[in-house]
Amino acid sequence: MDISQAGAVWPLQTAAPHRSGREISKEQLIQRLAETAERGGVANALAALTDYVGATHYLLARHELSQDGGLDSVVCSDWPFDVVRRLAGIVMGLNAKTTELEKCLAVLQPCFHTMPDDIDLTRGVSREYCAVAFNVGRTRFSLMLLFPADVILSQVGLRDIALLAAYVASLKTSVDARQERECELTEREIECLFWIAEGKTSEEIAVILGISRNTINNYITSVMRKTATRTRSEAIAHAVRNNLV
């Protein structure tokens, strides 16, 4: 992530009036998360968590445990892009000064950091931001929150939403893994792709592989569905780009 440009500017001049989601109970929040997660609404789930704890903006970032590259991957965020890019350098510096043991001990422990002076924030938003880390499997996540200047965030509430954010992240990870598995080509499908790339027709491939032409066509249709291509030529191009043939 390029962090060489400073002077990030928030696009709004005044913070919108904040309404805390504390009007709902924790049980209602969990039910709401379950409903949004089923629909794949990660942004809506994070927005619900943010509002519940009294914050205004969220950023969920993923960090591989073996890397210290700052904000390796922003999973979901409603922060302005320039602010995220500027913050990447700060996170990278903090990670470099922290041992792996300290990182493990910091899991679910909210930490507060101050934004650099060269970042212009919306009027009414605190220059502090909160970061709370959690793990899903071997992947570390950070939930970062902005909040109004006159709001004191609850430590207990922050730990609660970190646990719930882990639940949301784990669901997204499971969905991504399932989709990735669904996109994997079988050996037979790769064989068909290879022979298509060699210029063979379905009839010729059927003779080569000893199966029917209709079965070959079904394999090819499956390949195009998994690779999001519309023609055999596009499927071949996809296979070449991804070193499948």
Protein backbone atom coordinates (compact mmCIF):
# COMPACT_ATOMS: atom_id res chain seq x y z
CA MET A 1 0.00 0.00 0.00
CA ASP A 2 1.43 3.38 -1.04
CA ILE A 3 1.71 5.66 1.99
CA SER A 4 4.00 8.30 0.52
CA GLN A 5 1.30 10.92 0.15
CA ALA A 6 0.40 12.84 3.30
CA GLY A 7 -2.27 15.43 3.96
CA ALA A 8 -5.27 13.14 3.68
CA VAL A 9 -8.51 15.10 3.69
CA TRP A 10 -11.85 13.96 5.05
CA PRO A 11 -14.54 14.62 2.43
CA LEU A 12 -17.19 15.93 4.83
CA GLN A 13 -16.97 19.17 6.76
CA THR A 14 -19.20 18.28 9.68
CA ALA A 15 -19.90 14.95 11.33
CA ALA A 16 -23.43 13.68 10.98
CA PRO A 17 -25.51 13.54 14.16
CA HIS A 18 -24.65 10.31 15.96
CA ARG A 19 -27.27 7.94 17.28
CA SER A 20 -26.04 5.15 19.48
CA GLY A 21 -27.26 1.64 18.77
CA ARG A 22 -27.39 0.97 22.52
CA GLU A 23 -31.15 1.20 22.15
CA ILE A 24 -31.00 -2.51 21.26
CA SER A 25 -29.86 -5.27 23.59
CA LYS A 26 -26.85 -7.51 23.03
CA GLU A 27 -29.22 -10.37 22.21
CA GLN A 28 -30.97 -8.26 19.57
CA LEU A 29 -27.59 -7.26 18.15
CA ILE A 30 -26.50 -10.91 17.86
CA GLN A 31 -29.77 -11.76 16.12
CA ARG A 32 -29.27 -8.86 13.72
CA LEU A 33 -25.72 -10.01 12.98
CA ALA A 34 -26.89 -13.55 12.27
CA GLU A 35 -29.47 -12.26 9.81
CA THR A 36 -27.05 -9.95 7.98
CA ALA A 37 -24.28 -12.57 7.94
CA GLU A 38 -26.57 -15.08 6.26
CA ARG A 39 -27.02 -12.55 3.44
CA GLY A 40 -23.29 -11.89 3.25
CA GLY A 41 -23.75 -8.35 4.58
CA VAL A 42 -20.34 -7.82 6.19
CA ALA A 43 -20.61 -4.03 5.88
CA ASN A 44 -24.05 -3.98 7.51
CA ALA A 45 -22.82 -6.24 10.31
CA LEU A 46 -19.80 -4.02 11.01
CA ALA A 47 -21.98 -0.91 10.87
CA ALA A 48 -24.28 -2.48 13.46
CA LEU A 49 -21.33 -3.25 15.75
CA THR A 50 -19.92 0.25 15.31
CA ASP A 51 -23.20 1.89 16.15
CA TYR A 52 -23.79 -0.41 19.12
CA VAL A 53 -20.58 0.63 20.85
CA GLY A 54 -21.08 4.36 20.13
CA ALA A 55 -18.48 4.78 17.36
CA THR A 56 -19.07 6.38 13.96
CA HIS A 57 -16.80 4.63 11.42
CA TYR A 58 -15.27 1.16 11.12
CA LEU A 59 -12.31 -0.41 9.35
CA LEU A 60 -11.67 -4.16 9.43
CA ALA A 61 -8.17 -5.15 8.28
CA ARG A 62 -6.57 -8.56 7.89
CA HIS A 63 -2.93 -9.28 8.76
CA GLU A 64 -1.18 -12.58 8.14
CA LEU A 65 0.58 -13.77 11.29
CA SER A 66 3.81 -14.28 9.37
CA GLN A 67 3.87 -10.74 7.98
CA ASP A 68 4.20 -7.22 9.32
CA GLY A 69 3.17 -5.26 6.29
CA GLY A 70 0.79 -2.78 7.83
CA LEU A 71 -2.77 -2.94 6.54
CA ASP A 72 -2.19 -5.98 4.32
CA SER A 73 -5.79 -6.22 3.29
CA VAL A 74 -8.77 -4.04 4.16
CA VAL A 75 -11.71 -6.41 4.40
CA CYS A 76 -14.37 -3.74 4.77
CA SER A 77 -14.32 -0.06 5.69
CA ASP A 78 -16.27 3.18 5.54
CA TRP A 79 -13.16 5.29 6.20
CA PRO A 80 -11.98 7.59 3.37
CA PHE A 81 -9.36 5.92 1.20
CA ASP A 82 -6.71 8.60 1.79
CA VAL A 83 -7.01 8.19 5.55
CA VAL A 84 -6.65 4.40 5.23
CA ARG A 85 -3.59 4.79 3.04
CA ARG A 86 -1.97 7.25 5.45
CA LEU A 87 -2.79 5.04 8.42
CA ALA A 88 -1.06 2.05 6.80
CA GLY A 89 2.35 3.52 7.57
CA ILE A 90 1.43 4.08 11.19
CA VAL A 91 0.18 0.52 11.64
CA MET A 92 3.32 -0.85 10.00
CA GLY A 93 5.47 1.14 12.42
CA LEU A 94 3.50 -0.07 15.44
CA ASN A 95 3.74 -3.69 14.28
CA ALA A 96 7.50 -3.40 13.78
CA LYS A 97 7.94 -2.31 17.40
CA THR A 98 5.73 -5.06 18.83
CA THR A 99 6.90 -8.60 19.52
CA GLU A 100 4.78 -11.60 18.61
CA LEU A 101 4.17 -12.30 22.30
CA GLU A 102 2.96 -8.73 22.84
CA LYS A 103 0.65 -9.09 19.86
CA CYS A 104 -0.82 -12.27 21.30
CA LEU A 105 -1.33 -10.64 24.71
CA ALA A 106 -3.01 -7.66 23.03
CA VAL A 107 -5.77 -9.79 21.49
CA LEU A 108 -9.20 -8.42 22.51
CA GLN A 109 -7.52 -5.57 24.40
CA PRO A 110 -8.70 -2.20 23.00
CA CYS A 111 -5.87 0.24 22.28
CA PHE A 112 -6.20 3.94 21.53
CA HIS A 113 -3.89 5.82 19.16
CA THR A 114 -3.78 9.42 17.96
CA MET A 115 -4.10 10.40 14.31
CA PRO A 116 -1.21 12.43 12.80
CA ASP A 117 -1.77 16.16 12.55
CA ASP A 118 -1.66 16.05 8.74
CA ILE A 119 -4.94 14.12 8.58
CA ASP A 120 -7.99 16.38 8.53
CA LEU A 121 -10.92 14.72 10.27
CA THR A 122 -14.59 15.55 10.20
CA ARG A 123 -15.51 18.19 12.73
CA GLY A 124 -16.69 16.49 15.92
CA VAL A 125 -14.72 13.27 15.39
CA SER A 126 -12.03 12.50 17.95
CA ARG A 127 -8.42 12.53 16.78
CA GLU A 128 -8.01 9.27 18.64
CA TYR A 129 -9.00 6.00 17.04
CA CYS A 130 -9.52 2.67 18.72
CA ALA A 131 -7.97 -0.59 17.51
CA VAL A 132 -8.82 -4.00 18.87
CA ALA A 133 -7.21 -7.18 17.52
CA PHE A 134 -8.57 -10.71 17.28
CA ASN A 135 -7.63 -13.93 15.53
CA VAL A 136 -9.62 -16.18 13.24
CA GLY A 137 -7.57 -19.33 12.76
CA ARG A 138 -4.05 -18.29 11.79
CA THR A 139 -5.14 -14.88 10.57
CA ARG A 140 -5.03 -11.75 12.70
CA PHE A 141 -7.67 -9.08 12.21
CA SER A 142 -7.86 -5.52 13.52
CA LEU A 143 -11.10 -3.65 13.99
CA MET A 144 -10.41 0.09 13.99
CA LEU A 145 -13.01 2.60 15.06
CA LEU A 146 -13.49 6.36 14.90
CA PHE A 147 -15.81 7.92 17.41
CA PRO A 148 -17.22 11.33 18.43
CA ALA A 149 -14.93 13.57 20.49
CA ASP A 150 -17.43 13.65 23.36
CA VAL A 151 -17.91 9.87 23.60
CA ILE A 152 -16.01 7.53 25.92
CA LEU A 153 -16.06 4.03 24.52
CA SER A 154 -16.75 1.17 26.92
CA GLN A 155 -13.86 -1.29 27.30
CA VAL A 156 -16.33 -4.10 27.92
CA GLY A 157 -18.40 -3.07 24.92
CA LEU A 158 -15.30 -2.96 22.72
CA ARG A 159 -14.30 -6.48 23.72
CA ASP A 160 -17.85 -7.64 23.06
CA ILE A 161 -17.93 -6.26 19.55
CA ALA A 162 -14.42 -7.60 18.86
CA LEU A 163 -15.70 -11.10 19.63
CA LEU A 164 -18.73 -10.50 17.43
CA ALA A 165 -16.50 -9.07 14.68
CA ALA A 166 -14.50 -12.31 14.87
CA TYR A 167 -17.76 -14.18 14.33
CA VAL A 168 -18.53 -12.04 11.27
CA ALA A 169 -14.98 -12.43 9.91
CA SER A 170 -15.08 -16.20 10.41
CA LEU A 171 -18.30 -16.42 8.43
CA LYS A 172 -16.80 -14.38 5.60
CA THR A 173 -13.67 -16.54 5.66
CA SER A 174 -15.81 -19.68 5.42
CA VAL A 175 -17.81 -18.25 2.51
CA ASP A 176 -14.63 -17.19 0.68
CA ALA A 177 -13.07 -20.63 1.19
CA ARG A 178 -16.22 -22.35 -0.05
CA GLN A 179 -16.40 -20.12 -3.12
CA GLU A 180 -12.73 -20.78 -3.82
CA ARG A 181 -13.30 -24.53 -3.60
CA GLU A 182 -16.32 -24.24 -5.87
CA CYS A 183 -14.14 -22.46 -8.45
CA GLU A 184 -11.49 -25.18 -8.47
CA LEU A 185 -11.40 -27.18 -11.69
CA THR A 186 -11.40 -30.97 -11.61
CA GLU A 187 -8.69 -32.98 -13.36
CA ARG A 188 -11.17 -33.94 -16.08
CA GLU A 189 -12.14 -30.30 -16.64
CA ILE A 190 -8.48 -29.32 -16.93
CA GLU A 191 -7.98 -32.15 -19.43
CA CYS A 192 -10.82 -30.77 -21.54
CA LEU A 193 -9.32 -27.27 -21.32
CA PHE A 194 -5.97 -28.62 -22.47
CA TRP A 195 -7.43 -30.30 -25.54
CA ILE A 196 -9.57 -27.25 -26.37
CA ALA A 197 -6.39 -25.17 -26.26
CA GLU A 198 -4.88 -27.70 -28.70
CA GLY A 199 -7.71 -26.92 -31.10
CA LYS A 200 -9.70 -30.12 -30.61
CA THR A 201 -13.48 -30.27 -31.01
CA SER A 202 -15.83 -31.88 -28.51
CA GLU A 203 -16.10 -34.94 -30.76
CA GLU A 204 -12.32 -35.29 -30.94
CA ILE A 205 -11.89 -34.84 -27.19
CA ALA A 206 -14.58 -37.47 -26.59
CA VAL A 207 -12.60 -39.97 -28.68
CA ILE A 208 -9.34 -39.09 -26.91
CA LEU A 209 -10.79 -39.40 -23.40
CA GLY A 210 -13.15 -42.28 -24.21
CA ILE A 211 -16.32 -40.57 -23.02
CA SER A 212 -19.38 -39.16 -24.79
CA ARG A 213 -19.52 -35.80 -26.57
CA ASN A 214 -22.37 -34.67 -24.28
CA THR A 215 -20.20 -35.37 -21.23
CA ILE A 216 -17.38 -33.33 -22.77
CA ASN A 217 -19.78 -30.45 -23.39
CA ASN A 218 -20.96 -30.65 -19.76
CA TYR A 219 -17.36 -30.44 -18.56
CA ILE A 220 -16.72 -27.44 -20.78
CA THR A 221 -19.91 -25.73 -19.58
CA SER A 222 -18.79 -26.31 -15.99
CA VAL A 223 -15.38 -24.82 -16.79
CA MET A 224 -16.94 -21.67 -18.23
CA ARG A 225 -19.25 -21.33 -15.23
CA LYS A 226 -16.41 -21.67 -12.72
CA THR A 227 -14.12 -19.30 -14.61
CA ALA A 228 -16.87 -16.76 -15.37
CA THR A 229 -16.17 -16.98 -19.10
CA ARG A 230 -18.67 -17.03 -21.96
CA THR A 231 -16.84 -18.76 -24.79
CA ARG A 232 -14.23 -21.46 -25.23
CA SER A 233 -11.71 -18.85 -26.34
CA GLU A 234 -12.24 -16.88 -23.13
CA ALA A 235 -11.89 -20.08 -21.10
CA ILE A 236 -8.58 -20.85 -22.85
CA ALA A 237 -7.35 -17.29 -22.18
CA HIS A 238 -8.29 -17.66 -18.51
CA ALA A 239 -6.47 -21.01 -18.33
CA VAL A 240 -3.32 -19.53 -19.88
CA ARG A 241 -3.34 -16.49 -17.54
CA ASN A 242 -3.67 -18.76 -14.51
CA ASN A 243 -1.19 -21.42 -15.70
CA LEU A 244 -3.86 -24.11 -15.82
CA VAL A 245 -2.68 -25.46 -19.18
